[in-house]
Amino acid sequence: MKLIAIFILLIFFLPQLAAAELEIGMDIPLKNKEIYQENRLVAGVSWHERGQVFLTNTGDENLHNILVYVDVPLQMDIEIPVQAMKNISADNNTVTARIGELGPGESISFIFSVKPPESIEFKKKGSFAISASYEDSTGTHSTSYTHVVEVVPPPSWITYGTVLASICIILLAFLIAWKFNVLEQFTTIDLVTIALLAGLIGVVFRWFWQTFNDLLGPLGGLLFTIPTAVLMIIALQIVRKPGTATLLFTVVELVALVVWGSNITVWMGWYMTEGIIVDILVLLFKKDYADRRSTAIIYAVARSAYAYWMFYFFFAPAVWKVYYAPWYAWGEVGIAAIGGLIGGAIGYSIAKKVRGAMI
């Protein structure tokens, strides 16, 4: 009798145990997760961020008449881009997708775009509530999944603050240059030398970096940091005046503004700080204009690491509202420091020969 009872129970529950299951997942924004921080949206951006919903049949029989609803948080505007999967629509704050059949082990996905709120006062969480119903041989079933994202306010006040600070740096630099007659210390030959080296950095090597950067992937920054470090060390050893590095990188950005059309006018003060840091180090080392290999490397590493730190941790989020994954950003800063180390060592050897030939 016990065997008969067990047999009856197995017959009754076996279809339930074998029932297909639908697994749900989601990615947003659709960017390289190895580079950009996932599950973070920035309020106030002018573009729509794409999200992708994944559906996987983890059971062993076909699923039919699958109906998926995605409830979008924070009243975000929705767009449905052109894609292979059809029967996707958006109504108010809900995305609806209809799928006829999904076989065992098969997956399917669909994409929709949302525009983050124009403004929010504080950082807040938003939940994409996804629910799905489907049919199999045992009847109709339903499942749900919640995907949480972080929505951060637009850093407008940070942007305005950076502009103001940039202007203050420019004014302070001009005040110091006027007060201590810094520019009058540079001869015509000094200015021509700085202009020539700045042109090589801002035009030749910048073009080379922009053209071949993608070939080296994350290491592409070395194509710019190494030659920049080399030419900076040459400028320090040849010109040998206080403010050489600051003047060099100021001219580099002015050249970039003219040649490449870079909109860096209001950020000029921050770009000048790349040279200011080097000039401060020169004074700290008792006016050692990269006369030793060790100081040449220190100057080049400091400038390269600082420039990349400013981009990934300051300009990207504050100005362009792009958040990079911390490990990737710090990795790029580290690669820049390596480029500075290599460029500083090479620049010292070349500068010594150039200065010796001039003497």
Protein backbone atom coordinates (compact mmCIF):
# COMPACT_ATOMS: atom_id res chain seq x y z
CA MET A 1 0.00 0.00 0.00
CA LYS A 2 2.88 2.37 0.80
CA LEU A 3 4.40 1.83 -2.64
CA ILE A 4 1.04 2.51 -4.28
CA ALA A 5 0.64 5.73 -2.27
CA ILE A 6 4.15 6.91 -3.22
CA PHE A 7 3.48 6.06 -6.86
CA ILE A 8 0.25 8.08 -6.83
CA LEU A 9 2.02 11.06 -5.21
CA LEU A 10 4.78 10.94 -7.81
CA ILE A 11 2.24 10.87 -10.61
CA PHE A 12 0.50 13.86 -9.08
CA PHE A 13 3.58 15.99 -8.32
CA LEU A 14 5.91 14.97 -11.15
CA PRO A 15 4.39 17.41 -13.65
CA GLN A 16 4.83 20.16 -11.07
CA LEU A 17 8.48 19.24 -10.49
CA ALA A 18 9.12 19.16 -14.21
CA ALA A 19 7.34 22.43 -14.87
CA ALA A 20 9.36 24.91 -16.86
CA GLU A 21 10.66 28.03 -15.13
CA LEU A 22 11.30 31.53 -16.46
CA GLU A 23 14.37 33.38 -15.21
CA ILE A 24 14.47 37.18 -15.50
CA GLY A 25 17.48 39.55 -15.49
CA MET A 26 18.19 43.14 -16.48
CA ASP A 27 21.12 45.42 -17.38
CA ILE A 28 21.07 49.23 -17.32
CA PRO A 29 22.71 51.33 -18.63
CA LEU A 30 23.90 49.35 -21.66
CA LYS A 31 27.53 50.37 -21.48
CA ASN A 32 30.74 48.44 -21.03
CA LYS A 33 30.44 47.27 -17.42
CA GLU A 34 34.20 46.84 -17.22
CA ILE A 35 34.62 50.58 -17.78
CA TYR A 36 31.45 52.33 -16.70
CA GLN A 37 29.71 52.01 -13.36
CA GLU A 38 26.60 49.87 -13.73
CA ASN A 39 23.16 50.48 -12.23
CA ARG A 40 23.75 54.23 -11.98
CA LEU A 41 21.77 56.87 -13.87
CA VAL A 42 22.48 60.60 -13.85
CA ALA A 43 19.57 63.02 -13.70
CA GLY A 44 19.54 65.91 -16.13
CA VAL A 45 21.33 64.25 -19.06
CA SER A 46 20.04 65.05 -22.54
CA TRP A 47 20.02 61.46 -23.78
CA HIS A 48 18.07 58.27 -23.06
CA GLU A 49 19.81 55.39 -21.29
CA ARG A 50 19.13 51.93 -22.67
CA GLY A 51 18.06 48.99 -20.54
CA GLN A 52 17.89 45.34 -21.55
CA VAL A 53 15.66 42.63 -20.05
CA PHE A 54 16.75 39.00 -20.37
CA LEU A 55 14.35 36.03 -20.25
CA THR A 56 15.65 32.45 -19.98
CA ASN A 57 13.68 29.20 -19.96
CA THR A 58 15.49 27.14 -17.31
CA GLY A 59 13.04 24.25 -17.48
CA ASP A 60 12.71 21.30 -19.85
CA GLU A 61 9.57 22.15 -21.81
CA ASN A 62 8.32 24.96 -24.00
CA LEU A 63 6.80 28.11 -22.56
CA HIS A 64 3.92 29.76 -24.37
CA ASN A 65 2.12 33.10 -24.37
CA ILE A 66 4.76 34.90 -22.34
CA LEU A 67 3.64 38.37 -21.23
CA VAL A 68 6.21 40.67 -19.58
CA TYR A 69 5.55 44.00 -17.83
CA VAL A 70 8.30 46.42 -16.77
CA ASP A 71 7.21 49.20 -14.44
CA VAL A 72 9.64 52.12 -14.89
CA PRO A 73 10.32 54.22 -11.74
CA LEU A 74 10.45 57.99 -11.18
CA GLN A 75 8.13 58.86 -14.09
CA MET A 76 10.97 58.45 -16.56
CA ASP A 77 10.16 58.95 -20.24
CA ILE A 78 10.28 55.71 -22.25
CA GLU A 79 11.32 55.01 -25.85
CA ILE A 80 11.31 51.68 -27.70
CA PRO A 81 14.25 51.48 -30.14
CA VAL A 82 14.19 49.42 -33.32
CA GLN A 83 15.24 45.83 -32.57
CA ALA A 84 14.86 42.25 -33.75
CA MET A 85 12.15 41.38 -31.23
CA LYS A 86 8.69 42.73 -32.01
CA ASN A 87 5.50 43.15 -29.98
CA ILE A 88 7.04 45.64 -27.54
CA SER A 89 5.14 48.72 -26.49
CA ALA A 90 5.23 51.47 -23.87
CA ASP A 91 2.21 52.99 -22.17
CA ASN A 92 2.58 55.59 -19.44
CA ASN A 93 5.32 54.15 -17.20
CA THR A 94 5.04 50.51 -18.26
CA VAL A 95 6.85 48.57 -20.97
CA THR A 96 4.95 45.54 -22.27
CA ALA A 97 6.50 42.68 -24.26
CA ARG A 98 4.73 39.66 -25.75
CA ILE A 99 6.61 36.48 -26.67
CA GLY A 100 4.88 33.58 -28.37
CA GLU A 101 7.14 30.68 -27.40
CA LEU A 102 10.45 30.02 -25.66
CA GLY A 103 12.05 26.57 -25.81
CA PRO A 104 13.97 24.78 -23.04
CA GLY A 105 17.34 26.44 -22.39
CA GLU A 106 16.57 29.28 -24.81
CA SER A 107 16.99 32.96 -24.00
CA ILE A 108 15.53 36.10 -25.47
CA SER A 109 15.93 39.78 -24.64
CA PHE A 110 14.41 43.12 -25.50
CA ILE A 111 15.61 46.71 -25.16
CA PHE A 112 13.94 49.92 -24.07
CA SER A 113 15.29 53.39 -23.32
CA VAL A 114 14.52 55.67 -20.39
CA LYS A 115 15.37 59.31 -19.84
CA PRO A 116 16.41 60.01 -16.23
CA PRO A 117 14.57 62.82 -14.40
CA GLU A 118 15.52 66.38 -15.25
CA SER A 119 16.50 67.01 -11.66
CA ILE A 120 16.36 65.40 -8.24
CA GLU A 121 17.39 66.98 -4.98
CA PHE A 122 19.20 64.00 -3.47
CA LYS A 123 20.58 60.68 -4.59
CA LYS A 124 17.83 58.06 -4.52
CA LYS A 125 17.08 54.46 -5.42
CA GLY A 126 14.72 53.46 -8.23
CA SER A 127 13.28 50.01 -8.82
CA PHE A 128 12.37 48.48 -12.17
CA ALA A 129 9.60 46.03 -11.20
CA ILE A 130 9.40 43.24 -13.80
CA SER A 131 6.56 40.71 -13.79
CA ALA A 132 5.90 37.90 -16.27
CA SER A 133 3.20 35.33 -16.88
CA TYR A 134 3.55 32.23 -19.06
CA GLU A 135 1.92 28.93 -19.85
CA ASP A 136 3.23 25.37 -19.94
CA SER A 137 1.69 21.90 -19.83
CA THR A 138 0.72 22.34 -16.18
CA GLY A 139 -1.13 25.62 -16.61
CA THR A 140 -0.45 29.33 -16.18
CA HIS A 141 2.38 30.59 -13.99
CA SER A 142 3.84 33.93 -13.00
CA THR A 143 7.16 35.24 -11.74
CA SER A 144 8.68 38.59 -10.87
CA TYR A 145 12.02 40.34 -10.52
CA THR A 146 13.08 43.75 -9.17
CA HIS A 147 16.13 45.56 -10.52
CA VAL A 148 17.37 48.45 -8.36
CA VAL A 149 19.33 51.39 -9.77
CA GLU A 150 20.83 54.49 -8.21
CA VAL A 151 19.82 57.85 -9.63
CA VAL A 152 22.18 60.69 -8.77
CA PRO A 153 21.43 64.40 -9.10
CA PRO A 154 23.02 66.36 -11.93
CA PRO A 155 26.28 67.89 -10.69
CA SER A 156 25.39 71.37 -11.92
CA TRP A 157 26.62 73.13 -8.80
CA ILE A 158 29.89 71.20 -9.08
CA THR A 159 30.19 72.27 -12.71
CA TYR A 160 29.63 75.92 -11.86
CA GLY A 161 32.09 75.58 -9.00
CA THR A 162 34.76 74.13 -11.26
CA VAL A 163 34.31 76.98 -13.74
CA LEU A 164 34.66 79.55 -10.96
CA ALA A 165 37.72 77.78 -9.54
CA SER A 166 39.25 77.60 -13.04
CA ILE A 167 38.82 81.33 -13.51
CA CYS A 168 40.34 81.97 -10.08
CA ILE A 169 43.36 79.82 -10.96
CA ILE A 170 43.87 81.75 -14.20
CA LEU A 171 43.61 85.09 -12.42
CA LEU A 172 45.96 83.94 -9.67
CA ALA A 173 48.49 82.70 -12.24
CA PHE A 174 48.42 86.04 -14.09
CA LEU A 175 48.68 87.94 -10.79
CA ILE A 176 51.76 85.96 -9.75
CA ALA A 177 53.30 86.32 -13.22
CA TRP A 178 52.73 90.10 -13.11
CA LYS A 179 53.82 90.51 -9.48
CA PHE A 180 57.12 88.68 -9.88
CA ASN A 181 57.75 89.59 -13.55
CA VAL A 182 57.80 85.91 -14.48
CA LEU A 183 57.12 86.34 -18.19
CA GLU A 184 59.86 88.97 -18.53
CA GLN A 185 62.42 86.34 -17.49
CA PHE A 186 61.72 84.32 -20.65
CA THR A 187 63.81 85.24 -23.65
CA THR A 188 62.58 85.06 -27.23
CA ILE A 189 64.47 81.79 -27.68
CA ASP A 190 62.77 80.41 -24.56
CA LEU A 191 59.33 81.32 -25.90
CA VAL A 192 60.06 79.85 -29.33
CA THR A 193 61.32 76.65 -27.71
CA ILE A 194 58.19 76.34 -25.55
CA ALA A 195 55.94 77.07 -28.55
CA LEU A 196 57.71 74.42 -30.64
CA LEU A 197 57.49 71.75 -27.95
CA ALA A 198 53.87 72.68 -27.19
CA GLY A 199 53.05 72.33 -30.88
CA LEU A 200 54.58 68.84 -30.96
CA ILE A 201 52.52 67.81 -27.92
CA GLY A 202 49.26 69.49 -28.91
CA VAL A 203 49.29 68.66 -32.62
CA VAL A 204 51.65 65.86 -33.65
CA PHE A 205 51.50 63.51 -30.68
CA ARG A 206 47.87 64.31 -29.95
CA TRP A 207 46.97 63.30 -33.52
CA PHE A 208 49.09 60.16 -33.16
CA TRP A 209 47.32 59.28 -29.89
CA GLN A 210 43.82 59.95 -31.24
CA THR A 211 44.54 57.89 -34.37
CA PHE A 212 46.10 54.80 -32.80
CA ASN A 213 44.68 54.91 -29.26
CA ASP A 214 42.10 52.15 -29.84
CA LEU A 215 44.74 49.70 -31.06
CA LEU A 216 46.23 49.43 -27.56
CA GLY A 217 42.97 49.50 -25.63
CA PRO A 218 43.52 50.56 -21.99
CA LEU A 219 47.23 51.05 -22.72
CA GLY A 220 46.48 53.63 -25.41
CA GLY A 221 47.19 56.47 -22.99
CA LEU A 222 50.89 55.58 -23.13
CA LEU A 223 50.95 56.93 -26.70
CA PHE A 224 50.38 60.40 -25.26
CA THR A 225 51.81 60.33 -21.73
CA ILE A 226 55.27 59.08 -22.78
CA PRO A 227 56.03 61.71 -25.49
CA THR A 228 54.43 64.45 -23.36
CA ALA A 229 56.70 63.54 -20.45
CA VAL A 230 59.75 63.46 -22.74
CA LEU A 231 59.06 66.92 -24.19
CA MET A 232 58.24 68.37 -20.76
CA ILE A 233 61.62 67.25 -19.38
CA ILE A 234 63.37 68.69 -22.45
CA ALA A 235 61.60 72.02 -21.87
CA LEU A 236 62.60 72.10 -18.21
CA GLN A 237 66.27 71.42 -18.93
CA ILE A 238 66.59 73.80 -21.87
CA VAL A 239 64.54 76.79 -20.66
CA ARG A 240 65.35 76.51 -16.93
CA LYS A 241 63.03 79.28 -15.76
CA PRO A 242 60.37 79.34 -12.99
CA GLY A 243 56.96 78.71 -14.56
CA THR A 244 58.31 76.78 -17.56
CA ALA A 245 55.97 73.82 -17.14
CA THR A 246 52.94 76.01 -16.49
CA LEU A 247 53.61 78.07 -19.61
CA LEU A 248 54.23 74.90 -21.65
CA PHE A 249 50.89 73.26 -20.80
CA THR A 250 49.02 76.55 -21.15
CA VAL A 251 50.32 76.87 -24.72
CA VAL A 252 49.53 73.18 -25.36
CA GLU A 253 45.86 73.77 -24.53
CA LEU A 254 45.73 76.99 -26.56
CA VAL A 255 47.10 75.03 -29.52
CA ALA A 256 44.45 72.34 -28.95
CA LEU A 257 41.78 75.03 -28.87
CA VAL A 258 42.88 76.40 -32.26
CA VAL A 259 43.72 73.13 -34.05
CA TRP A 260 41.18 70.68 -32.63
CA GLY A 261 38.44 73.08 -31.65
CA SER A 262 38.51 71.87 -28.04
CA ASN A 263 36.11 73.82 -25.83
CA ILE A 264 38.51 74.26 -22.92
CA THR A 265 38.37 78.02 -22.43
CA VAL A 266 36.54 77.92 -19.09
CA TRP A 267 38.58 74.93 -17.92
CA MET A 268 41.97 76.45 -18.79
CA GLY A 269 42.82 77.04 -15.14
CA TRP A 270 42.57 73.34 -14.35
CA TYR A 271 44.73 72.40 -17.34
CA MET A 272 47.32 74.92 -16.15
CA THR A 273 47.56 73.06 -12.83
CA GLU A 274 49.34 70.20 -14.62
CA GLY A 275 52.28 72.55 -15.09
CA ILE A 276 51.82 74.33 -11.75
CA ILE A 277 52.35 71.03 -9.91
CA VAL A 278 55.59 70.42 -11.80
CA ASP A 279 56.84 73.96 -11.17
CA ILE A 280 56.09 73.60 -7.45
CA LEU A 281 58.08 70.35 -7.39
CA VAL A 282 60.97 72.12 -9.13
CA LEU A 283 61.03 74.71 -6.34
CA LEU A 284 60.73 72.02 -3.64
CA PHE A 285 63.78 70.28 -5.13
CA LYS A 286 65.72 73.59 -4.96
CA LYS A 287 65.34 74.53 -8.63
CA ASP A 288 66.32 71.14 -9.95
CA TYR A 289 65.14 71.42 -13.56
CA ALA A 290 65.15 67.64 -14.09
CA ASP A 291 68.94 67.69 -13.75
CA ARG A 292 68.82 64.22 -12.22
CA ARG A 293 67.09 61.19 -13.63
CA SER A 294 65.24 60.68 -10.35
CA THR A 295 63.73 64.17 -10.33
CA ALA A 296 62.87 63.92 -14.03
CA ILE A 297 60.92 60.74 -13.32
CA ILE A 298 59.21 62.28 -10.28
CA TYR A 299 58.07 65.32 -12.29
CA ALA A 300 56.81 63.20 -15.19
CA VAL A 301 54.98 60.68 -12.98
CA ALA A 302 53.35 63.46 -10.93
CA ARG A 303 52.12 65.32 -14.01
CA SER A 304 50.83 62.18 -15.81
CA ALA A 305 49.05 60.69 -12.80
CA TYR A 306 47.49 64.05 -11.89
CA ALA A 307 46.23 64.68 -15.45
CA TYR A 308 44.50 61.30 -15.62
CA TRP A 309 43.14 61.55 -12.08
CA MET A 310 41.61 64.92 -12.99
CA PHE A 311 39.92 63.43 -16.03
CA TYR A 312 38.46 60.24 -14.52
CA PHE A 313 37.55 61.51 -11.06
CA PHE A 314 36.84 65.18 -11.72
CA PHE A 315 36.03 66.20 -15.28
CA ALA A 316 34.17 63.02 -16.31
CA PRO A 317 31.56 63.07 -13.51
CA ALA A 318 31.43 66.83 -12.89
CA VAL A 319 31.42 68.12 -16.45
CA TRP A 320 30.43 65.27 -18.79
CA LYS A 321 28.33 63.33 -16.23
CA VAL A 322 30.08 60.04 -16.97
CA TYR A 323 30.93 57.72 -14.09
CA TYR A 324 33.73 55.21 -14.69
CA ALA A 325 34.13 52.05 -12.64
CA PRO A 326 36.60 52.92 -9.82
CA TRP A 327 38.95 50.02 -10.58
CA TYR A 328 39.13 51.07 -14.24
CA ALA A 329 39.72 54.74 -13.42
CA TRP A 330 42.50 53.94 -10.93
CA GLY A 331 43.97 51.49 -13.44
CA GLU A 332 44.19 54.26 -16.04
CA VAL A 333 45.83 56.56 -13.49
CA GLY A 334 48.36 53.81 -12.79
CA ILE A 335 49.05 53.31 -16.50
CA ALA A 336 49.54 57.08 -16.85
CA ALA A 337 52.05 56.99 -13.98
CA ILE A 338 53.94 54.19 -15.78
CA GLY A 339 53.93 56.31 -18.93
CA GLY A 340 55.35 59.20 -16.92
CA LEU A 341 58.07 56.95 -15.48
CA ILE A 342 59.11 55.76 -18.94
CA GLY A 343 58.85 59.22 -20.48
CA GLY A 344 60.75 60.84 -17.61
CA ALA A 345 63.64 58.40 -17.95
CA ILE A 346 63.80 58.77 -21.73
CA GLY A 347 63.31 62.53 -21.56
CA TYR A 348 66.24 62.91 -19.14
CA SER A 349 68.61 61.08 -21.52
CA ILE A 350 67.47 63.07 -24.56
CA ALA A 351 67.45 66.42 -22.72
CA LYS A 352 71.03 65.86 -21.51
CA LYS A 353 72.24 65.32 -25.07
CA VAL A 354 70.25 68.28 -26.44
CA ARG A 355 71.49 70.61 -23.72
CA GLY A 356 75.05 69.37 -24.15
CA ALA A 357 74.88 70.07 -27.89
CA MET A 358 73.57 73.59 -27.23
CA ILE A 359 76.38 74.35 -24.78
